[in-house]
Every structure is written in C-alpha cells, then in structure tokens.
Protein backbone atom coordinates (compact mmCIF):
# COMPACT_ATOMS: atom_id res chain seq x y z
CA MET A 1 0.71 -75.12 196.92
CA ILE A 2 0.33 -71.90 194.98
CA SER A 3 -0.66 -72.38 191.32
CA LYS A 4 1.28 -70.72 188.51
CA ARG A 5 -1.81 -68.70 187.59
CA THR A 6 -2.15 -67.41 191.18
CA HIS A 7 1.57 -66.67 191.29
CA ARG A 8 1.32 -64.74 188.00
CA LYS A 9 -1.61 -62.69 189.28
CA ALA A 10 0.27 -61.91 192.49
CA LYS A 11 3.34 -60.83 190.53
CA ALA A 12 1.25 -58.56 188.30
CA ALA A 13 -0.49 -57.08 191.34
CA ILE A 14 2.87 -56.32 192.98
CA ALA A 15 4.12 -54.63 189.79
CA LEU A 16 0.94 -52.60 189.55
CA PHE A 17 1.18 -51.66 193.24
CA ALA A 18 4.78 -50.54 192.76
CA LEU A 19 3.76 -48.37 189.83
CA PHE A 20 1.09 -46.64 191.87
CA VAL A 21 3.56 -46.07 194.73
CA PHE A 22 6.20 -44.36 192.58
CA ILE A 23 3.99 -42.62 189.99
CA PRO A 24 1.25 -40.18 191.01
CA GLN A 25 -2.27 -41.53 190.55
CA SER A 26 -3.20 -38.43 188.58
CA THR A 27 -0.81 -39.54 185.85
CA PHE A 28 -3.16 -42.34 184.84
CA ALA A 29 -6.46 -40.64 185.42
CA ALA A 30 -8.84 -40.70 182.52
CA THR A 31 -8.75 -37.49 180.54
CA PRO A 32 -11.97 -36.17 179.03
CA SER A 33 -11.79 -36.98 175.36
CA PRO A 34 -12.22 -34.11 172.90
CA LYS A 35 -14.39 -34.41 169.88
CA PRO A 36 -13.04 -37.25 167.68
CA LYS A 37 -10.49 -36.09 165.13
CA ALA A 38 -10.46 -39.12 162.84
CA PRO A 39 -10.55 -38.16 159.16
CA THR A 40 -14.06 -36.98 158.40
CA LYS A 41 -15.96 -37.02 155.13
CA ALA A 42 -15.54 -33.25 155.03
CA GLU A 43 -11.77 -33.59 155.37
CA ILE A 44 -11.69 -36.23 152.66
CA ALA A 45 -13.84 -33.99 150.45
CA ALA A 46 -11.37 -31.15 151.09
CA ALA A 47 -8.51 -33.47 150.17
CA GLN A 48 -10.37 -34.47 147.02
CA ALA A 49 -10.88 -30.80 146.17
CA ALA A 50 -7.16 -30.18 146.70
CA GLU A 51 -6.37 -33.11 144.44
CA ASN A 52 -8.77 -31.77 141.81
CA ALA A 53 -7.08 -28.38 142.04
CA LYS A 54 -3.72 -30.05 141.48
CA ALA A 55 -5.19 -31.98 138.56
CA GLN A 56 -6.45 -28.71 137.06
CA ALA A 57 -3.02 -27.18 137.63
CA ALA A 58 -1.55 -30.19 135.86
CA ALA A 59 -3.95 -29.67 132.95
CA ASP A 60 -3.07 -25.96 132.80
CA ALA A 61 0.59 -26.81 132.94
CA GLN A 62 0.10 -29.37 130.20
CA HIS A 63 -1.42 -26.64 128.03
CA LYS A 64 1.57 -24.49 128.86
CA LEU A 65 3.85 -27.36 127.98
CA SER A 66 2.08 -27.68 124.63
CA SER A 67 2.81 -24.02 123.91
CA ALA A 68 6.36 -24.49 125.05
CA THR A 69 6.60 -27.48 122.75
CA ASN A 70 5.98 -25.13 119.83
CA VAL A 71 8.90 -23.04 121.01
CA LEU A 72 10.93 -26.21 121.24
CA GLN A 73 9.99 -27.16 117.69
CA LYS A 74 11.09 -23.74 116.43
CA LEU A 75 14.35 -24.10 118.28
CA THR A 76 14.75 -27.54 116.75
CA VAL A 77 14.23 -26.14 113.24
CA LYS A 78 16.68 -23.34 114.03
CA ALA A 79 19.22 -25.89 115.20
CA GLN A 80 18.70 -27.95 112.03
CA VAL A 81 19.10 -24.85 109.81
CA ALA A 82 22.23 -23.85 111.70
CA LYS A 83 23.58 -27.37 111.32
CA SER A 84 22.81 -27.27 107.57
CA LYS A 85 24.63 -23.94 107.26
CA LEU A 86 27.55 -25.46 109.07
CA VAL A 87 27.65 -28.43 106.68
CA HIS A 88 27.51 -26.11 103.63
CA ALA A 89 30.17 -23.86 105.10
CA GLN A 90 32.38 -26.88 105.77
CA VAL A 91 31.91 -28.06 102.14
CA ALA A 92 32.71 -24.56 100.85
CA LEU A 93 35.79 -24.44 103.06
CA SER A 94 36.94 -27.81 101.74
CA LEU A 95 36.49 -26.64 98.13
CA ALA A 96 38.17 -23.31 98.81
CA THR A 97 41.06 -25.11 100.48
CA GLN A 98 41.48 -27.40 97.45
CA GLN A 99 41.36 -24.42 95.06
CA ALA A 100 43.82 -22.49 97.18
CA ASN A 101 46.20 -25.44 97.27
CA THR A 102 45.87 -25.93 93.48
CA ALA A 103 46.42 -22.22 92.82
CA ALA A 104 49.44 -22.18 95.09
CA ALA A 105 50.93 -25.22 93.32
CA HIS A 106 50.28 -23.61 89.89
CA ALA A 107 51.86 -20.37 91.05
CA ALA A 108 54.92 -22.30 92.19
CA LEU A 109 55.23 -24.02 88.78
CA THR A 110 54.90 -20.75 86.84
CA ALA A 111 57.48 -19.17 89.10
CA VAL A 112 59.87 -21.99 88.16
CA ALA A 113 59.12 -21.36 84.45
CA VAL A 114 59.93 -17.66 84.89
CA VAL A 115 63.22 -18.57 86.56
CA GLU A 116 64.11 -20.96 83.69
CA ALA A 117 63.21 -18.35 81.02
CA ASN A 118 65.22 -15.79 82.88
CA LYS A 119 68.21 -18.13 82.89
CA THR A 120 67.89 -18.63 79.10
CA ILE A 121 67.91 -14.88 78.50
CA GLY A 122 70.89 -14.59 80.77
CA ARG A 123 72.84 -17.23 78.87
CA MET A 124 72.10 -15.53 75.55
CA ALA A 125 73.29 -12.18 76.85
CA SER A 126 76.41 -13.81 78.21
CA ASN A 127 77.19 -15.48 74.85
CA ALA A 128 76.72 -12.21 72.99
CA TYR A 129 79.15 -10.53 75.33
CA ILE A 130 81.72 -13.31 74.95
CA ASN A 131 81.49 -13.29 71.10
CA GLY A 132 82.43 -9.64 70.96
CA GLY A 133 80.76 -6.31 71.36
CA GLY A 134 77.74 -5.80 69.19
CA PHE A 135 77.14 -9.18 67.69
CA THR A 136 75.06 -7.64 64.88
CA SER A 137 74.00 -8.52 61.35
CA LEU A 138 76.29 -5.82 59.87
CA ASN A 139 79.45 -7.16 61.52
CA SER A 140 78.61 -10.66 60.36
CA VAL A 141 78.29 -9.46 56.73
CA LEU A 142 81.49 -7.36 56.80
CA GLU A 143 83.55 -10.13 58.32
CA ALA A 144 82.31 -12.88 56.01
CA ASN A 145 84.99 -14.82 54.13
CA GLY A 146 83.38 -15.25 50.83
CA PRO A 147 79.84 -15.80 49.64
CA GLN A 148 79.39 -19.18 51.23
CA ASP A 149 80.50 -17.94 54.66
CA LEU A 150 78.16 -14.99 54.25
CA ILE A 151 75.27 -17.30 53.50
CA ASP A 152 76.13 -19.45 56.53
CA ARG A 153 76.43 -16.40 58.83
CA LEU A 154 73.14 -14.93 57.60
CA GLY A 155 71.45 -18.25 58.25
CA MET A 156 72.93 -18.43 61.76
CA LEU A 157 71.82 -14.86 62.48
CA ASN A 158 68.31 -15.73 61.39
CA GLN A 159 68.34 -18.71 63.78
CA VAL A 160 69.82 -16.66 66.64
CA GLY A 161 67.27 -13.94 66.06
CA ALA A 162 64.48 -16.42 66.03
CA SER A 163 65.75 -18.10 69.27
CA ASP A 164 66.18 -14.72 70.89
CA SER A 165 62.63 -13.75 70.00
CA ILE A 166 61.18 -17.07 71.20
CA ALA A 167 63.10 -16.96 74.48
CA LEU A 168 61.97 -13.42 75.16
CA SER A 169 58.41 -14.29 74.26
CA ARG A 170 58.47 -17.32 76.57
CA TYR A 171 59.90 -15.24 79.38
CA LYS A 172 57.20 -12.61 79.02
CA SER A 173 54.48 -15.27 78.82
CA ALA A 174 55.85 -17.09 81.89
CA LEU A 175 55.98 -13.81 83.80
CA VAL A 176 52.37 -12.95 82.94
CA ILE A 177 51.17 -16.44 83.81
CA ALA A 178 53.13 -16.41 87.08
CA GLN A 179 51.66 -13.05 88.08
CA ALA A 180 48.14 -14.24 87.25
CA ALA A 181 48.72 -17.47 89.19
CA LYS A 182 49.95 -15.49 92.18
CA VAL A 183 46.84 -13.30 92.10
CA ALA A 184 44.63 -16.41 91.80
CA ALA A 185 46.43 -18.03 94.71
CA THR A 186 45.99 -14.90 96.84
CA GLN A 187 42.29 -14.75 95.96
CA ALA A 188 41.85 -18.46 96.70
CA LYS A 189 43.51 -17.95 100.07
CA ALA A 190 41.12 -15.09 100.81
CA VAL A 191 38.14 -17.28 99.85
CA GLN A 192 39.51 -19.99 102.13
CA ALA A 193 39.81 -17.52 105.01
CA THR A 194 36.22 -16.31 104.43
CA ALA A 195 34.97 -19.91 104.31
CA THR A 196 36.84 -20.66 107.55
CA ALA A 197 35.18 -17.68 109.24
CA LYS A 198 31.77 -18.82 107.98
CA VAL A 199 32.36 -22.30 109.38
CA ALA A 200 33.24 -20.81 112.77
CA THR A 201 30.13 -18.59 112.70
CA ALA A 202 27.87 -21.44 111.57
CA LYS A 203 29.30 -23.73 114.25
CA ALA A 204 28.70 -21.09 116.92
CA GLU A 205 25.08 -20.65 115.72
CA ALA A 206 24.54 -24.40 115.62
CA ASP A 207 26.01 -24.85 119.11
CA SER A 208 23.90 -21.97 120.44
CA ALA A 209 20.72 -23.35 118.86
CA LYS A 210 21.45 -26.82 120.20
CA SER A 211 22.14 -25.43 123.67
CA ALA A 212 18.89 -23.43 123.62
CA GLN A 213 17.02 -26.50 122.44
CA GLN A 214 18.50 -28.69 125.19
CA SER A 215 17.80 -26.00 127.79
CA GLU A 216 14.15 -25.88 126.74
CA VAL A 217 13.89 -29.67 126.83
CA ASP A 218 15.39 -29.80 130.33
CA LYS A 219 13.06 -27.03 131.49
CA LEU A 220 9.99 -28.82 130.16
CA LYS A 221 11.04 -32.11 131.73
CA ALA A 222 11.65 -30.47 135.12
CA GLU A 223 8.28 -28.69 135.08
CA GLN A 224 6.44 -31.83 134.06
CA ALA A 225 8.19 -33.92 136.72
CA GLN A 226 7.31 -31.39 139.43
CA ILE A 227 3.66 -31.32 138.35
CA ILE A 228 3.46 -35.11 138.48
CA ILE A 229 5.06 -35.16 141.95
CA GLU A 230 2.62 -32.57 143.32
CA LEU A 231 -0.39 -34.32 141.82
CA GLN A 232 0.77 -37.68 143.21
CA LYS A 233 1.24 -36.15 146.66
CA ALA A 234 -2.28 -34.73 146.60
CA ARG A 235 -3.68 -38.07 145.41
CA ASN A 236 -1.73 -40.03 148.05
CA PHE A 237 -2.90 -37.63 150.78
CA ARG A 238 -6.53 -38.13 149.80
CA ILE A 239 -6.14 -41.92 149.58
CA THR A 240 -4.33 -41.99 152.94
CA LEU A 241 -7.17 -40.10 154.60
CA GLN A 242 -9.71 -42.49 153.10
CA GLN A 243 -7.70 -45.52 154.23
CA GLN A 244 -7.20 -44.11 157.71
CA LEU A 245 -10.91 -43.42 157.99
CA ALA A 246 -11.79 -46.93 156.81
CA LEU A 247 -9.30 -48.61 159.20
CA SER A 248 -10.43 -46.40 162.05
CA GLN A 249 -14.09 -47.16 161.40
CA LEU A 250 -13.37 -50.90 161.23
CA GLU A 251 -11.36 -50.85 164.46
CA GLU A 252 -13.99 -48.72 166.20
CA SER A 253 -16.74 -51.06 165.04
CA SER A 254 -14.82 -54.10 166.35
CA ALA A 255 -14.19 -52.35 169.67
CA ASN A 256 -17.89 -51.51 170.04
CA THR A 257 -18.79 -55.13 169.30
CA ALA A 258 -16.20 -56.32 171.84
CA ALA A 259 -17.68 -54.02 174.50
CA HIS A 260 -21.04 -55.76 174.08
CA THR A 261 -19.78 -59.32 173.70
CA SER A 262 -20.01 -61.48 176.82
CA GLY A 263 -18.21 -64.70 177.59
CA GLN A 264 -14.87 -63.67 176.17
CA SER A 265 -11.91 -65.76 177.27
CA LYS A 266 -9.21 -64.15 179.33
CA VAL A 267 -6.68 -65.62 176.91
CA TRP A 268 -7.79 -67.38 173.75
CA PRO A 269 -6.36 -70.82 172.93
CA ASP A 270 -3.67 -71.05 170.29
CA ARG A 271 -5.26 -71.83 166.92
CA GLY A 272 -1.95 -71.87 165.03
CA PHE A 273 -2.16 -68.39 163.55
CA THR A 274 1.09 -67.37 161.90
CA GLY A 275 2.46 -63.96 161.11
CA ARG A 276 5.50 -62.40 159.53
CA LEU A 277 8.58 -64.64 159.28
CA THR A 278 11.12 -61.86 159.78
CA ILE A 279 11.44 -58.87 162.08
CA ARG A 280 12.32 -55.25 161.30
CA SER A 281 13.07 -53.98 164.80
CA THR A 282 16.20 -54.16 166.95
CA ALA A 283 16.60 -54.11 170.72
CA ALA A 284 17.42 -50.41 170.44
CA SER A 285 14.39 -49.55 168.28
CA ARG A 286 12.07 -51.57 170.55
CA ALA A 287 13.39 -49.69 173.58
CA ALA A 288 12.87 -46.39 171.74
CA ALA A 289 9.28 -47.36 170.88
CA VAL A 290 8.58 -48.18 174.54
CA ASP A 291 10.06 -44.85 175.64
CA PHE A 292 7.87 -43.00 173.12
CA ALA A 293 4.67 -44.79 174.24
CA LYS A 294 5.53 -44.16 177.88
CA ALA A 295 6.07 -40.45 177.21
CA GLN A 296 2.64 -40.14 175.54
CA VAL A 297 0.92 -41.85 178.49
CA LEU A 298 2.73 -39.73 181.07
CA ALA A 299 1.85 -36.61 179.07
CA ARG A 300 -1.83 -37.66 179.42
CA LYS A 301 -2.49 -37.41 175.70
CA PRO A 302 -6.18 -38.04 174.85
CA TYR A 303 -7.61 -41.04 173.00
CA VAL A 304 -9.15 -40.11 169.63
CA TRP A 305 -10.34 -42.55 166.99
CA GLY A 306 -8.08 -42.62 163.94
CA ALA A 307 -5.44 -40.35 165.51
CA GLN A 308 -1.74 -41.16 165.32
CA GLY A 309 -0.25 -38.16 167.10
CA PRO A 310 1.28 -35.98 167.94
CA ASN A 311 -1.50 -34.62 170.18
CA SER A 312 -3.82 -37.65 170.40
CA PHE A 313 -3.85 -41.36 169.58
CA ASP A 314 -5.99 -44.43 169.18
CA CYS A 315 -4.54 -47.87 170.01
CA SER A 316 -3.00 -48.69 166.63
CA GLY A 317 -2.08 -45.03 166.11
CA LEU A 318 0.08 -45.14 169.28
CA VAL A 319 1.84 -48.31 168.03
CA TYR A 320 2.42 -46.76 164.59
CA ALA A 321 3.76 -43.48 166.02
CA ALA A 322 5.99 -45.28 168.55
CA TYR A 323 7.87 -47.33 165.98
CA LYS A 324 7.94 -44.49 163.50
CA ALA A 325 9.62 -42.39 166.20
CA ALA A 326 12.01 -45.32 166.75
CA GLY A 327 13.18 -45.06 163.14
CA LEU A 328 10.98 -47.40 161.11
CA GLY A 329 9.56 -45.84 157.95
CA TYR A 330 7.52 -46.60 154.84
CA PRO A 331 7.33 -49.04 153.12
CA GLU A 332 8.66 -51.31 155.90
CA TRP A 333 6.38 -49.61 158.41
CA SER A 334 2.99 -48.11 157.61
CA ARG A 335 -0.27 -47.15 159.29
CA LEU A 336 -2.48 -50.24 159.79
CA ASN A 337 -5.13 -51.33 162.27
CA ALA A 338 -4.76 -53.84 165.12
CA ALA A 339 -5.77 -56.90 163.05
CA LEU A 340 -3.35 -56.07 160.23
CA TYR A 341 -0.50 -55.44 162.68
CA PHE A 342 -1.08 -58.97 164.02
CA VAL A 343 -0.51 -60.38 160.52
CA ALA A 344 2.44 -58.04 159.92
CA SER A 345 4.40 -59.05 163.06
CA GLN A 346 6.28 -62.20 164.04
CA ARG A 347 4.56 -64.49 166.53
CA VAL A 348 6.22 -64.52 169.99
CA PRO A 349 5.20 -66.83 172.90
CA PHE A 350 4.39 -65.00 176.15
CA SER A 351 7.43 -66.64 177.78
CA GLN A 352 9.67 -64.86 175.26
CA LEU A 353 8.08 -61.40 175.30
CA VAL A 354 10.44 -58.43 175.57
CA PRO A 355 9.58 -54.74 176.00
CA GLY A 356 8.47 -53.33 172.68
CA ASP A 357 6.59 -56.44 171.54
CA LEU A 358 2.91 -56.04 170.70
CA LEU A 359 -0.14 -57.57 172.41
CA PHE A 360 -3.47 -58.16 170.66
CA TYR A 361 -7.09 -58.56 171.78
CA SER A 362 -9.98 -60.20 169.90
CA TYR A 363 -13.60 -60.63 171.04
CA ASP A 364 -13.87 -64.12 169.55
CA GLY A 365 -10.27 -65.34 169.20
CA SER A 366 -10.12 -64.74 165.43
CA VAL A 367 -7.62 -62.52 163.68
CA GLN A 368 -10.21 -60.55 161.74
CA ASN A 369 -11.95 -59.53 164.96
CA ILE A 370 -8.85 -58.23 166.75
CA HIS A 371 -9.95 -54.84 168.05
CA HIS A 372 -7.14 -53.66 170.33
CA ILE A 373 -3.33 -53.50 170.33
CA THR A 374 -0.81 -52.46 172.99
CA ILE A 375 2.96 -52.20 173.54
CA TYR A 376 4.45 -54.61 176.08
CA ALA A 377 6.37 -52.78 178.82
CA GLY A 378 7.80 -55.81 180.69
CA ASN A 379 6.78 -57.64 183.86
CA GLY A 380 3.29 -58.32 182.54
CA MET A 381 2.56 -54.62 182.02
CA MET A 382 1.79 -52.61 178.88
CA TRP A 383 1.47 -49.10 177.50
CA GLU A 384 -1.78 -48.56 175.62
CA ALA A 385 -4.27 -46.11 174.17
CA ASN A 386 -7.26 -47.76 175.81
CA SER A 387 -10.46 -45.96 174.89
CA LYS A 388 -12.20 -42.59 174.72
CA SER A 389 -13.44 -43.01 178.27
CA LYS A 390 -10.16 -44.16 179.85
CA GLY A 391 -7.55 -42.47 177.67
CA LEU A 392 -3.92 -43.62 177.51
CA LEU A 393 -2.87 -46.06 180.26
CA PHE A 394 -0.13 -48.12 181.86
CA SER A 395 -1.90 -51.35 182.70
CA ASN A 396 -1.68 -55.10 183.23
CA MET A 397 -1.68 -57.17 180.03
CA TYR A 398 -4.51 -59.34 181.45
CA SER A 399 -6.69 -56.38 182.36
CA ILE A 400 -8.55 -56.66 179.04
CA ALA A 401 -10.46 -59.77 178.05
CA GLY A 402 -9.76 -61.56 174.78
CA LEU A 403 -5.93 -61.60 174.78
CA MET A 404 -4.55 -63.45 171.77
CA PRO A 405 -2.28 -66.39 172.77
CA SER A 406 0.93 -64.87 171.39
CA GLY A 407 2.54 -61.47 171.07
CA GLY A 408 3.98 -59.90 167.96
CA ARG A 409 7.50 -58.65 167.29
CA VAL A 410 7.80 -55.83 164.78
C-alpha cells in the first residue's frame, strides 16, 4: 500500500515534470548574480547628507520665515491702525449724523416761527386795510369825539404801534435765525457726507490691510508645511534605507547559518506559533500577487540581497513587491523580512493552502531563525527568489529543508 508521504512525493514529481515539459528549461536556469545592490553604508551616508541638506534648507527657510514674520508684524500694525481709523471715522460719522439731524430739526422749527410771524404781519396789514385807508395817528386825532376819546385813541395807537414793531422785530429775528439754522443744517450735512466718505476709505484700508495680513499668514504656513514635508521625506528615506539594510543583513546572516546547519528537519513539528488574527488579502489580490511573482521568475530577474524590484529581488523583497503590485500599501503592508512576515500573516494549515499564501523556512524550527519565504503557487509548488547562486525559481515546496509547519495568509 502506498503511503501518503510517497503519494505526495509522486504528485509533486508529476507536477514538476509537467512544468519542465511545457516550460523551456532555460526559463529556470540560474542567472549569474550581479554585484549585490542592497543599501550600502555609502548609500545611507548619501541619504544622511541629503537629509542634512534638507535640514539646512529648513533652517534657512526658518530664517526667511523670521524675516517674513517682521513683515507680518508690520502688516498687523497697519491693519490695527486702519481699524482704529475706521472706529474713529465711525464715531465722527455718528456725531456728524446727530448734529445734522439736530440742525435739520432746528431749521424746521425756525421755519415754522417765520411762517407764524409772517401770518401775524399779514393779519395786521389786513386789519389796517379793513379799518380804512391810512390808519394813521393824524386821522385818529381829527376824528376824535372829545378829549376822552382822543386820549383813548392815542393810547390804542401807542399799543398798535408797539405791537406792530414787536411783530416786525420777531419776524426779522425768526427769519435771521431760520437762515442761520438752514446754513448750519447744510454744513452739518456736508460734515456728515465727509465723515461717511472717511468711513468708507478707512474700511477699505482696514479690509486691504487685513487681506494682506491673511495672505502673508497663509503664505508662511504653506512654506513651512512644505519644508516640513520635504524634511520628513528625506528623513524617512534615510531611515528606510537603514532598516532595509538591517533586515537584509539579518536575513542574509540567517540564510548563511542555514546553509551550514546540518540535521534540519524536512518539515518542523508544530510548536503552536500564532500569527495575525485577520487577513488583508482577497482571492483577487492573492491571484495578482502570484501572477506578479510568476512574471518575475519567467523574466529571469536576478537575486540580490535587500532588493525589492523592479530589476532584482531577494526572497522577502519578491513577496513585498508581489503584494504591493496586487494593491496592498502602507501601513497595512510594508517591507519586512521573512521572520517578521511569519508573525504578520495568519497561520494556515498545509491542507488549506491556496495560491498566494506564504511558505516559511527556519534552520531550527524557531520563528526568529526563519531565513526564507516563498509564494505558494498551488499543487505543492512555489514561486521564490532562492539565492544568489540559483536566482528566482519555480520549485517544489519541499525542495528546501526546514519548512515551517504552517503557511501564512496575508
């Protein structure tokens, strides 16, 4: 009776044979590896120099911002002065309006007094006409009926003369006052108009100063924000290079140790390691990742430590680039090494593996010593960036010793 292990090996051999029948052997031939392109100390130093240059630019810009701040302060003072002028102009306008209204009311009252005085004069003239032509002192004396009547008429004439004089005097006074009030009202109206114009001018100056001030503030904020963004980009680039170098060196060191470690198990026993509880991929994104990895292998891209494409890859770099091409991005998906990808993926039993899942290899069965990672292709096969000597391959998942007992789903 054929054992399950023998049956599995036979199945894998058939799949491998089929691959070699339908795909030219040259496709999987090892490609001479160029000089490693992992981030070097020189590259990191260059990135540090670029960051320093950005920092100096930020310092220069800060000095410029300080000078611009002085301009802003002057604009602020100008805006405050313009606002003060506006307030004073508004107060002056209010006072001028009150004076104009008072003068207009006074002019109206004096005009009424002139009308009343004019009516009095008119009544007196009318009475004189009715009493007979030339109501004079001489007629009164000649027509008197005796001494007593003469005395009474002379007394009446004195009173009429006095009333006539007072009425005329009041009329003249009312007319003068009315004319003066009218002039005062006209002048007050002119002052009001001037004050109104000053308010409009002051408001325009205040609005202009405020607009210039706000424009300068917005300009300073935009410049400062851009400087911060550029400096942060330079800093992130330098840190990324350092991290990539460190991860690459760690993975390379583990791979070198694995190459010289004997007695590794074909598949390590399950020690209960857990990973991420949720997944980020979909069937479509997993298929896209597989297609990307396949394309890189068929294009015979070289293996280079620390590389993540587009022209060369290491093992974790191929996994990173494949899922990035499938649509996963930072912060959900970032550049890690094989051991960290094990922790950052959901555990999947071999019986439930689907194309796009990840396979991991450790030289002692521990997570920290995982040194290799591949992308499961289905039917026990995988796409991988194997090594500098073998390049990128399509191979059997059991072709490398030290397979961890479960896969990982992104």
